[in-house]
Amino acid sequence: MNRHYYISDNLDDLEAVENELEANGINSEQIHVLSEHVADVEQHHLHEINSLMEQDVVHSGEIGAVIGLPLAALVLGGAYWLGWTESVAGWMPFIFLAVVIFGFCIWEGGFFGIQVPNAHFRSFKQVVEEGKHIFFVDVEPNQEPVLDGVIEHHPLLKIAGTGTAAPHWTVAWLHRWHQFKRTI
């Protein structure tokens, strides 16, 4: 999936764009608005980003995993190399220690990520502080013409770039989850 970013200062226009995209088959889970004016975004029935997306938890957790994996391997390799695994306890305490180290690194990375803005949105910080809104849409390659067709009818939107989007399976799962919640 590809993510397309747009800048706007008109929430009415963004609401119209979102409605047109949904009418043309792009799910609401693919559409988000980043803004400091959360109440206004909600009043216009736009899909604001959730607090987890605002922070860099996932990205920082991945960095923690990249650090934790070699540390865990070092524990296992060191225990084997020093012959400690040949004791009565065997591999079990070292496997447990490796899992704890790996999990701690992921947790610490995520904990750090709670404290910093999402890496994908850092470049938009100034724009958002100026009172503008970042509208972004995650689309499959076959949905690109639909997005282009809707966007060309809205000259108030300023193209702000593209980036990597949430994986398809994540968006599909969220869509099914929201449909399930509506049936309850």
N, C-alpha and C. Protein backbone atom coordinates (compact mmCIF):
# COMPACT_ATOMS: atom_id res chain seq x y z
N MET A 1 0.84 -1.18 0.00
CA MET A 1 0.00 0.00 0.00
C MET A 1 0.88 1.24 0.00
N ASN A 2 0.36 2.30 -0.58
CA ASN A 2 1.04 3.59 -0.61
C ASN A 2 0.25 4.61 0.19
N ARG A 3 0.95 5.50 0.85
CA ARG A 3 0.29 6.56 1.62
C ARG A 3 0.51 7.88 0.90
N HIS A 4 -0.59 8.61 0.69
CA HIS A 4 -0.55 9.92 0.04
C HIS A 4 -0.93 10.98 1.07
N TYR A 5 -0.08 12.00 1.19
CA TYR A 5 -0.29 13.08 2.15
C TYR A 5 -0.77 14.33 1.42
N TYR A 6 -1.72 15.03 2.05
CA TYR A 6 -2.23 16.29 1.52
C TYR A 6 -2.36 17.28 2.67
N ILE A 7 -2.20 18.56 2.36
CA ILE A 7 -2.34 19.61 3.36
C ILE A 7 -3.55 20.46 3.00
N SER A 8 -4.33 20.78 4.02
CA SER A 8 -5.51 21.62 3.81
C SER A 8 -5.79 22.42 5.08
N ASP A 9 -6.47 23.54 4.90
CA ASP A 9 -6.92 24.31 6.05
C ASP A 9 -8.45 24.39 6.08
N ASN A 10 -9.09 23.54 5.26
CA ASN A 10 -10.54 23.57 5.13
C ASN A 10 -11.12 22.20 5.49
N LEU A 11 -11.68 22.08 6.68
CA LEU A 11 -12.24 20.80 7.12
C LEU A 11 -13.49 20.41 6.35
N ASP A 12 -14.25 21.39 5.87
CA ASP A 12 -15.44 21.08 5.07
C ASP A 12 -15.03 20.37 3.79
N ASP A 13 -13.96 20.85 3.16
CA ASP A 13 -13.45 20.23 1.94
C ASP A 13 -12.93 18.82 2.23
N LEU A 14 -12.23 18.67 3.35
CA LEU A 14 -11.72 17.34 3.71
C LEU A 14 -12.85 16.36 3.96
N GLU A 15 -13.93 16.85 4.57
CA GLU A 15 -15.09 15.98 4.80
C GLU A 15 -15.69 15.53 3.47
N ALA A 16 -15.77 16.45 2.51
CA ALA A 16 -16.30 16.09 1.19
C ALA A 16 -15.39 15.08 0.50
N VAL A 17 -14.07 15.29 0.61
CA VAL A 17 -13.12 14.36 -0.01
C VAL A 17 -13.27 12.97 0.61
N GLU A 18 -13.35 12.91 1.93
CA GLU A 18 -13.48 11.62 2.60
C GLU A 18 -14.77 10.91 2.18
N ASN A 19 -15.87 11.64 2.11
CA ASN A 19 -17.14 11.04 1.69
C ASN A 19 -17.06 10.51 0.26
N GLU A 20 -16.40 11.26 -0.63
CA GLU A 20 -16.26 10.81 -2.02
C GLU A 20 -15.37 9.56 -2.11
N LEU A 21 -14.30 9.55 -1.33
CA LEU A 21 -13.42 8.38 -1.34
C LEU A 21 -14.15 7.14 -0.85
N GLU A 22 -14.90 7.29 0.24
CA GLU A 22 -15.66 6.15 0.77
C GLU A 22 -16.74 5.70 -0.22
N ALA A 23 -17.36 6.64 -0.91
CA ALA A 23 -18.39 6.29 -1.91
C ALA A 23 -17.78 5.54 -3.09
N ASN A 24 -16.47 5.74 -3.32
CA ASN A 24 -15.79 5.08 -4.43
C ASN A 24 -14.99 3.85 -4.00
N GLY A 25 -15.26 3.32 -2.81
CA GLY A 25 -14.68 2.05 -2.41
C GLY A 25 -13.44 2.09 -1.55
N ILE A 26 -13.02 3.24 -1.10
CA ILE A 26 -11.88 3.32 -0.19
C ILE A 26 -12.43 3.34 1.23
N ASN A 27 -12.03 2.37 2.03
CA ASN A 27 -12.57 2.21 3.38
C ASN A 27 -12.13 3.35 4.30
N SER A 28 -12.94 3.61 5.30
CA SER A 28 -12.63 4.67 6.26
C SER A 28 -11.34 4.37 7.03
N GLU A 29 -10.98 3.09 7.15
CA GLU A 29 -9.75 2.72 7.85
C GLU A 29 -8.50 3.12 7.08
N GLN A 30 -8.67 3.49 5.82
CA GLN A 30 -7.55 3.91 4.98
C GLN A 30 -7.37 5.44 4.99
N ILE A 31 -8.27 6.15 5.64
CA ILE A 31 -8.30 7.61 5.58
C ILE A 31 -8.09 8.17 6.98
N HIS A 32 -7.20 9.15 7.11
CA HIS A 32 -6.91 9.74 8.42
C HIS A 32 -6.63 11.24 8.29
N VAL A 33 -6.85 11.94 9.40
CA VAL A 33 -6.53 13.36 9.46
C VAL A 33 -5.68 13.61 10.70
N LEU A 34 -4.58 14.29 10.52
CA LEU A 34 -3.71 14.71 11.61
C LEU A 34 -3.91 16.21 11.79
N SER A 35 -4.32 16.60 12.99
CA SER A 35 -4.61 18.01 13.24
C SER A 35 -4.51 18.30 14.72
N GLU A 36 -4.22 19.55 15.05
CA GLU A 36 -4.26 19.97 16.44
C GLU A 36 -5.69 20.30 16.88
N HIS A 37 -6.59 20.47 15.93
CA HIS A 37 -7.98 20.82 16.21
C HIS A 37 -8.83 19.56 16.24
N VAL A 38 -8.61 18.73 17.24
CA VAL A 38 -9.25 17.42 17.33
C VAL A 38 -10.77 17.54 17.40
N ALA A 39 -11.26 18.50 18.16
CA ALA A 39 -12.71 18.65 18.30
C ALA A 39 -13.36 19.03 16.97
N ASP A 40 -12.71 19.91 16.20
CA ASP A 40 -13.25 20.28 14.90
C ASP A 40 -13.23 19.10 13.93
N VAL A 41 -12.17 18.31 13.97
CA VAL A 41 -12.06 17.13 13.12
C VAL A 41 -13.19 16.16 13.45
N GLU A 42 -13.42 15.95 14.72
CA GLU A 42 -14.49 15.04 15.15
C GLU A 42 -15.86 15.58 14.77
N GLN A 43 -16.04 16.88 14.88
CA GLN A 43 -17.32 17.51 14.54
C GLN A 43 -17.64 17.33 13.04
N HIS A 44 -16.61 17.28 12.21
CA HIS A 44 -16.79 17.09 10.77
C HIS A 44 -16.86 15.61 10.38
N HIS A 45 -16.89 14.73 11.38
CA HIS A 45 -16.98 13.29 11.16
C HIS A 45 -15.82 12.76 10.32
N LEU A 46 -14.65 13.35 10.52
CA LEU A 46 -13.44 12.88 9.86
C LEU A 46 -12.75 11.86 10.75
N HIS A 47 -11.98 10.99 10.16
CA HIS A 47 -11.29 9.94 10.92
C HIS A 47 -9.92 10.46 11.36
N GLU A 48 -9.87 10.89 12.60
CA GLU A 48 -8.60 11.37 13.14
C GLU A 48 -7.70 10.19 13.43
N ILE A 49 -6.41 10.45 13.51
CA ILE A 49 -5.49 9.37 13.83
C ILE A 49 -5.60 9.05 15.31
N ASN A 50 -5.38 7.78 15.63
CA ASN A 50 -5.45 7.40 17.04
C ASN A 50 -4.14 7.76 17.74
N SER A 51 -4.17 7.75 19.04
CA SER A 51 -3.01 8.21 19.81
C SER A 51 -1.79 7.32 19.57
N LEU A 52 -2.00 6.05 19.27
CA LEU A 52 -0.87 5.17 18.99
C LEU A 52 -0.16 5.58 17.71
N MET A 53 -0.92 6.05 16.72
CA MET A 53 -0.31 6.49 15.47
C MET A 53 0.46 7.80 15.65
N GLU A 54 0.04 8.63 16.60
CA GLU A 54 0.72 9.91 16.82
C GLU A 54 2.12 9.72 17.39
N GLN A 55 2.30 8.66 18.15
CA GLN A 55 3.59 8.40 18.78
C GLN A 55 4.38 7.40 17.94
N ASP A 56 5.64 7.25 18.27
CA ASP A 56 6.53 6.40 17.49
C ASP A 56 6.75 5.04 18.16
N VAL A 57 5.71 4.50 18.79
CA VAL A 57 5.82 3.27 19.57
C VAL A 57 6.25 2.09 18.71
N VAL A 58 5.59 1.87 17.60
CA VAL A 58 5.87 0.70 16.77
C VAL A 58 7.27 0.78 16.18
N HIS A 59 7.60 1.91 15.58
CA HIS A 59 8.92 2.08 14.96
C HIS A 59 10.03 1.92 15.98
N SER A 60 9.88 2.54 17.13
CA SER A 60 10.90 2.42 18.18
C SER A 60 10.96 1.01 18.75
N GLY A 61 9.82 0.34 18.84
CA GLY A 61 9.81 -1.05 19.27
C GLY A 61 10.56 -1.95 18.30
N GLU A 62 10.42 -1.66 17.00
CA GLU A 62 11.17 -2.41 15.99
C GLU A 62 12.67 -2.19 16.14
N ILE A 63 13.06 -0.97 16.43
CA ILE A 63 14.48 -0.68 16.67
C ILE A 63 14.96 -1.44 17.90
N GLY A 64 14.13 -1.49 18.94
CA GLY A 64 14.46 -2.27 20.13
C GLY A 64 14.64 -3.74 19.80
N ALA A 65 13.81 -4.27 18.90
CA ALA A 65 13.94 -5.68 18.51
C ALA A 65 15.24 -5.92 17.75
N VAL A 66 15.62 -4.96 16.92
CA VAL A 66 16.87 -5.08 16.18
C VAL A 66 18.07 -5.08 17.14
N ILE A 67 17.97 -4.34 18.22
CA ILE A 67 19.03 -4.32 19.23
C ILE A 67 18.96 -5.58 20.09
N GLY A 68 17.76 -6.00 20.45
CA GLY A 68 17.58 -7.14 21.35
C GLY A 68 17.94 -8.48 20.75
N LEU A 69 17.72 -8.65 19.46
CA LEU A 69 18.01 -9.94 18.83
C LEU A 69 19.49 -10.31 18.92
N PRO A 70 20.42 -9.43 18.57
CA PRO A 70 21.83 -9.81 18.73
C PRO A 70 22.23 -9.99 20.19
N LEU A 71 21.64 -9.22 21.09
CA LEU A 71 21.95 -9.40 22.50
C LEU A 71 21.50 -10.78 22.99
N ALA A 72 20.30 -11.19 22.57
CA ALA A 72 19.80 -12.51 22.94
C ALA A 72 20.69 -13.60 22.33
N ALA A 73 21.09 -13.41 21.08
CA ALA A 73 21.99 -14.37 20.44
C ALA A 73 23.34 -14.41 21.15
N LEU A 74 23.81 -13.26 21.61
CA LEU A 74 25.07 -13.21 22.35
C LEU A 74 24.99 -14.00 23.65
N VAL A 75 23.87 -13.90 24.35
CA VAL A 75 23.68 -14.67 25.58
C VAL A 75 23.72 -16.16 25.28
N LEU A 76 22.98 -16.58 24.25
CA LEU A 76 22.95 -18.00 23.91
C LEU A 76 24.31 -18.49 23.41
N GLY A 77 24.94 -17.70 22.55
CA GLY A 77 26.25 -18.08 22.04
C GLY A 77 27.31 -18.10 23.14
N GLY A 78 27.27 -17.10 24.02
CA GLY A 78 28.22 -17.06 25.12
C GLY A 78 28.05 -18.23 26.07
N ALA A 79 26.82 -18.59 26.37
CA ALA A 79 26.57 -19.73 27.26
C ALA A 79 27.08 -21.02 26.63
N TYR A 80 26.86 -21.16 25.34
CA TYR A 80 27.35 -22.36 24.64
C TYR A 80 28.88 -22.38 24.60
N TRP A 81 29.48 -21.27 24.24
CA TRP A 81 30.93 -21.16 24.09
C TRP A 81 31.65 -21.41 25.42
N LEU A 82 31.05 -20.92 26.51
CA LEU A 82 31.66 -21.11 27.83
C LEU A 82 31.33 -22.48 28.44
N GLY A 83 30.50 -23.25 27.78
CA GLY A 83 30.18 -24.58 28.24
C GLY A 83 29.15 -24.63 29.37
N TRP A 84 28.49 -23.51 29.63
CA TRP A 84 27.51 -23.46 30.71
C TRP A 84 26.26 -24.27 30.40
N THR A 85 26.00 -24.52 29.14
CA THR A 85 24.80 -25.27 28.77
C THR A 85 24.94 -26.77 29.06
N GLU A 86 26.13 -27.21 29.37
CA GLU A 86 26.36 -28.62 29.66
C GLU A 86 26.14 -28.94 31.14
N SER A 87 25.74 -27.95 31.91
CA SER A 87 25.45 -28.18 33.33
C SER A 87 24.12 -28.91 33.48
N VAL A 88 23.73 -29.16 34.70
CA VAL A 88 22.46 -29.85 34.98
C VAL A 88 21.28 -29.02 34.48
N ALA A 89 21.39 -27.70 34.59
CA ALA A 89 20.29 -26.82 34.17
C ALA A 89 20.12 -26.83 32.65
N GLY A 90 21.17 -27.08 31.91
CA GLY A 90 21.10 -27.12 30.45
C GLY A 90 20.86 -25.75 29.83
N TRP A 91 20.10 -25.75 28.75
CA TRP A 91 19.83 -24.54 27.98
C TRP A 91 18.74 -23.65 28.59
N MET A 92 17.86 -24.21 29.37
CA MET A 92 16.65 -23.51 29.79
C MET A 92 16.91 -22.14 30.43
N PRO A 93 17.81 -21.96 31.39
CA PRO A 93 17.97 -20.63 31.97
C PRO A 93 18.51 -19.61 30.96
N PHE A 94 19.30 -20.07 30.02
CA PHE A 94 19.88 -19.15 29.04
C PHE A 94 18.85 -18.77 27.97
N ILE A 95 18.00 -19.71 27.62
CA ILE A 95 16.91 -19.39 26.69
C ILE A 95 15.96 -18.39 27.36
N PHE A 96 15.65 -18.64 28.62
CA PHE A 96 14.78 -17.72 29.36
C PHE A 96 15.41 -16.33 29.44
N LEU A 97 16.71 -16.27 29.76
CA LEU A 97 17.40 -14.98 29.84
C LEU A 97 17.41 -14.28 28.48
N ALA A 98 17.61 -15.02 27.41
CA ALA A 98 17.62 -14.44 26.06
C ALA A 98 16.25 -13.86 25.72
N VAL A 99 15.18 -14.59 26.07
CA VAL A 99 13.82 -14.10 25.81
C VAL A 99 13.54 -12.84 26.62
N VAL A 100 13.98 -12.83 27.89
CA VAL A 100 13.78 -11.65 28.74
C VAL A 100 14.54 -10.45 28.17
N ILE A 101 15.76 -10.63 27.74
CA ILE A 101 16.55 -9.53 27.17
C ILE A 101 15.90 -9.02 25.89
N PHE A 102 15.48 -9.93 25.04
CA PHE A 102 14.83 -9.54 23.79
C PHE A 102 13.54 -8.76 24.07
N GLY A 103 12.71 -9.29 24.96
CA GLY A 103 11.46 -8.59 25.31
C GLY A 103 11.70 -7.25 25.96
N PHE A 104 12.72 -7.18 26.82
CA PHE A 104 13.04 -5.90 27.47
C PHE A 104 13.46 -4.86 26.45
N CYS A 105 14.24 -5.24 25.47
CA CYS A 105 14.68 -4.29 24.44
C CYS A 105 13.49 -3.77 23.62
N ILE A 106 12.57 -4.66 23.29
CA ILE A 106 11.37 -4.23 22.56
C ILE A 106 10.55 -3.28 23.44
N TRP A 107 10.36 -3.65 24.70
CA TRP A 107 9.59 -2.82 25.63
C TRP A 107 10.25 -1.45 25.80
N GLU A 108 11.55 -1.44 25.98
CA GLU A 108 12.26 -0.17 26.17
C GLU A 108 12.18 0.70 24.92
N GLY A 109 12.29 0.07 23.75
CA GLY A 109 12.13 0.83 22.50
C GLY A 109 10.75 1.44 22.40
N GLY A 110 9.71 0.64 22.70
CA GLY A 110 8.35 1.17 22.68
C GLY A 110 8.13 2.25 23.70
N PHE A 111 8.72 2.08 24.87
CA PHE A 111 8.61 3.10 25.92
C PHE A 111 9.23 4.41 25.47
N PHE A 112 10.37 4.33 24.80
CA PHE A 112 10.98 5.54 24.24
C PHE A 112 10.07 6.14 23.17
N GLY A 113 9.46 5.27 22.35
CA GLY A 113 8.60 5.73 21.27
C GLY A 113 7.36 6.46 21.73
N ILE A 114 6.89 6.18 22.95
CA ILE A 114 5.74 6.90 23.49
C ILE A 114 6.06 8.38 23.66
N GLN A 115 7.31 8.68 23.87
CA GLN A 115 7.74 10.03 24.21
C GLN A 115 8.08 10.90 23.00
N VAL A 116 8.10 10.32 21.80
CA VAL A 116 8.48 11.10 20.61
C VAL A 116 7.39 10.97 19.55
N PRO A 117 7.25 11.99 18.72
CA PRO A 117 6.25 11.93 17.65
C PRO A 117 6.61 10.87 16.61
N ASN A 118 5.60 10.38 15.93
CA ASN A 118 5.77 9.38 14.89
C ASN A 118 6.75 9.89 13.83
N ALA A 119 7.68 9.03 13.43
CA ALA A 119 8.70 9.40 12.46
C ALA A 119 8.08 9.84 11.13
N HIS A 120 6.92 9.30 10.77
CA HIS A 120 6.27 9.65 9.50
C HIS A 120 5.67 11.06 9.53
N PHE A 121 5.39 11.58 10.73
CA PHE A 121 4.71 12.86 10.84
C PHE A 121 5.62 14.01 11.27
N ARG A 122 6.87 13.72 11.56
CA ARG A 122 7.78 14.78 12.04
C ARG A 122 7.94 15.91 11.04
N SER A 123 7.95 15.57 9.77
CA SER A 123 8.13 16.62 8.76
C SER A 123 6.91 17.54 8.66
N PHE A 124 5.78 17.12 9.20
CA PHE A 124 4.56 17.92 9.15
C PHE A 124 4.31 18.71 10.43
N LYS A 125 5.21 18.62 11.37
CA LYS A 125 5.00 19.26 12.68
C LYS A 125 4.73 20.76 12.54
N GLN A 126 5.54 21.45 11.76
CA GLN A 126 5.38 22.89 11.59
C GLN A 126 4.04 23.23 10.94
N VAL A 127 3.65 22.46 9.95
CA VAL A 127 2.39 22.70 9.23
C VAL A 127 1.21 22.54 10.19
N VAL A 128 1.24 21.51 11.01
CA VAL A 128 0.15 21.26 11.96
C VAL A 128 0.11 22.35 13.01
N GLU A 129 1.27 22.81 13.46
CA GLU A 129 1.31 23.90 14.45
C GLU A 129 0.77 25.20 13.89
N GLU A 130 0.83 25.37 12.57
CA GLU A 130 0.28 26.56 11.92
C GLU A 130 -1.24 26.50 11.80
N GLY A 131 -1.84 25.40 12.24
CA GLY A 131 -3.30 25.27 12.22
C GLY A 131 -3.85 24.54 11.02
N LYS A 132 -2.97 24.01 10.18
CA LYS A 132 -3.43 23.27 9.01
C LYS A 132 -3.63 21.80 9.37
N HIS A 133 -4.22 21.07 8.46
CA HIS A 133 -4.55 19.68 8.68
C HIS A 133 -3.82 18.82 7.65
N ILE A 134 -3.31 17.68 8.11
CA ILE A 134 -2.69 16.71 7.21
C ILE A 134 -3.70 15.61 6.96
N PHE A 135 -4.08 15.46 5.72
CA PHE A 135 -5.03 14.44 5.30
C PHE A 135 -4.21 13.37 4.58
N PHE A 136 -4.29 12.12 5.05
CA PHE A 136 -3.54 11.08 4.34
C PHE A 136 -4.39 9.86 4.12
N VAL A 137 -4.10 9.21 3.00
CA VAL A 137 -4.88 8.07 2.54
C VAL A 137 -3.93 6.94 2.18
N ASP A 138 -4.20 5.74 2.71
CA ASP A 138 -3.46 4.54 2.35
C ASP A 138 -4.24 3.82 1.27
N VAL A 139 -3.61 3.62 0.11
CA VAL A 139 -4.32 2.99 -1.01
C VAL A 139 -3.51 1.84 -1.60
N GLU A 140 -4.24 0.87 -2.10
CA GLU A 140 -3.65 -0.22 -2.88
C GLU A 140 -3.31 0.35 -4.26
N PRO A 141 -2.38 -0.26 -4.97
CA PRO A 141 -2.06 0.25 -6.32
C PRO A 141 -3.28 0.35 -7.25
N ASN A 142 -4.23 -0.57 -7.14
CA ASN A 142 -5.42 -0.50 -8.00
C ASN A 142 -6.39 0.59 -7.58
N GLN A 143 -6.20 1.20 -6.39
CA GLN A 143 -7.07 2.28 -5.93
C GLN A 143 -6.49 3.67 -6.26
N GLU A 144 -5.28 3.71 -6.78
CA GLU A 144 -4.64 4.98 -7.11
C GLU A 144 -5.48 5.84 -8.06
N PRO A 145 -6.06 5.26 -9.15
CA PRO A 145 -6.87 6.10 -10.04
C PRO A 145 -8.10 6.70 -9.35
N VAL A 146 -8.69 5.96 -8.41
CA VAL A 146 -9.84 6.47 -7.66
C VAL A 146 -9.42 7.69 -6.84
N LEU A 147 -8.31 7.55 -6.13
CA LEU A 147 -7.80 8.66 -5.32
C LEU A 147 -7.48 9.86 -6.19
N ASP A 148 -6.78 9.64 -7.29
CA ASP A 148 -6.42 10.75 -8.19
C ASP A 148 -7.66 11.44 -8.74
N GLY A 149 -8.68 10.65 -9.09
CA GLY A 149 -9.91 11.23 -9.63
C GLY A 149 -10.64 12.10 -8.62
N VAL A 150 -10.66 11.68 -7.37
CA VAL A 150 -11.34 12.47 -6.33
C VAL A 150 -10.52 13.72 -6.01
N ILE A 151 -9.22 13.57 -5.86
CA ILE A 151 -8.36 14.69 -5.46
C ILE A 151 -8.35 15.80 -6.51
N GLU A 152 -8.42 15.45 -7.78
CA GLU A 152 -8.35 16.50 -8.81
C GLU A 152 -9.57 17.42 -8.78
N HIS A 153 -10.67 16.99 -8.13
CA HIS A 153 -11.85 17.84 -8.01
C HIS A 153 -11.78 18.75 -6.77
N HIS A 154 -10.69 18.71 -6.06
CA HIS A 154 -10.55 19.50 -4.84
C HIS A 154 -9.25 20.31 -4.87
N PRO A 155 -9.29 21.47 -5.51
CA PRO A 155 -8.07 22.26 -5.67
C PRO A 155 -7.53 22.86 -4.36
N LEU A 156 -8.31 22.83 -3.28
CA LEU A 156 -7.82 23.36 -2.01
C LEU A 156 -6.80 22.44 -1.34
N LEU A 157 -6.75 21.18 -1.78
CA LEU A 157 -5.78 20.24 -1.23
C LEU A 157 -4.41 20.45 -1.88
N LYS A 158 -3.41 20.54 -1.04
CA LYS A 158 -2.04 20.68 -1.54
C LYS A 158 -1.33 19.34 -1.34
N ILE A 159 -0.77 18.80 -2.41
CA ILE A 159 -0.06 17.53 -2.32
C ILE A 159 1.19 17.72 -1.47
N ALA A 160 1.36 16.82 -0.48
CA ALA A 160 2.50 16.94 0.44
C ALA A 160 3.46 15.76 0.35
N GLY A 161 3.20 14.83 -0.54
CA GLY A 161 4.12 13.71 -0.72
C GLY A 161 3.48 12.36 -0.53
N THR A 162 4.34 11.35 -0.62
CA THR A 162 3.90 9.97 -0.45
C THR A 162 4.85 9.27 0.53
N GLY A 163 4.43 8.13 0.98
CA GLY A 163 5.25 7.36 1.91
C GLY A 163 4.73 5.94 2.01
N THR A 164 5.32 5.21 2.93
CA THR A 164 4.88 3.84 3.14
C THR A 164 3.63 3.84 4.02
N ALA A 165 2.75 2.94 3.71
CA ALA A 165 1.47 2.87 4.42
C ALA A 165 1.47 1.68 5.37
N ALA A 166 0.39 1.60 6.11
CA ALA A 166 0.17 0.43 6.96
C ALA A 166 0.05 -0.79 6.07
N PRO A 167 0.50 -1.95 6.54
CA PRO A 167 0.36 -3.16 5.72
C PRO A 167 -1.10 -3.46 5.40
N HIS A 168 -1.31 -4.09 4.26
CA HIS A 168 -2.68 -4.41 3.82
C HIS A 168 -3.43 -5.22 4.86
N TRP A 169 -2.77 -6.19 5.47
CA TRP A 169 -3.44 -7.05 6.44
C TRP A 169 -3.92 -6.27 7.65
N THR A 170 -3.19 -5.21 8.04
CA THR A 170 -3.61 -4.39 9.17
C THR A 170 -4.88 -3.63 8.85
N VAL A 171 -4.90 -3.01 7.68
CA VAL A 171 -6.07 -2.24 7.26
C VAL A 171 -7.27 -3.16 7.09
N ALA A 172 -7.06 -4.34 6.50
CA ALA A 172 -8.16 -5.29 6.31
C ALA A 172 -8.69 -5.77 7.65
N TRP A 173 -7.81 -6.05 8.60
CA TRP A 173 -8.24 -6.49 9.92
C TRP A 173 -9.04 -5.40 10.62
N LEU A 174 -8.56 -4.15 10.55
CA LEU A 174 -9.30 -3.03 11.17
C LEU A 174 -10.67 -2.87 10.54
N HIS A 175 -10.74 -3.01 9.23
CA HIS A 175 -12.03 -2.89 8.54
C HIS A 175 -13.01 -3.97 9.02
N ARG A 176 -12.54 -5.21 9.10
CA ARG A 176 -13.40 -6.30 9.58
C ARG A 176 -13.81 -6.08 11.03
N TRP A 177 -12.88 -5.59 11.85
CA TRP A 177 -13.16 -5.34 13.26
C TRP A 177 -14.26 -4.29 13.40
N HIS A 178 -14.15 -3.18 12.63
CA HIS A 178 -15.16 -2.14 12.71
C HIS A 178 -16.52 -2.62 12.20
N GLN A 179 -16.52 -3.45 11.17
CA GLN A 179 -17.78 -4.03 10.70
C GLN A 179 -18.39 -4.93 11.77
N PHE A 180 -17.56 -5.72 12.44
CA PHE A 180 -18.03 -6.60 13.51
C PHE A 180 -18.64 -5.78 14.65
N LYS A 181 -17.97 -4.70 15.04
CA LYS A 181 -18.47 -3.86 16.13
C LYS A 181 -19.81 -3.23 15.78
N ARG A 182 -20.02 -2.92 14.52
CA ARG A 182 -21.29 -2.32 14.10
C ARG A 182 -22.45 -3.30 14.18
N THR A 183 -22.15 -4.61 14.04
CA THR A 183 -23.21 -5.61 14.07
C THR A 183 -23.61 -5.99 15.48
N ILE A 184 -22.79 -5.64 16.44
CA ILE A 184 -23.10 -5.99 17.83
C ILE A 184 -24.13 -5.05 18.41
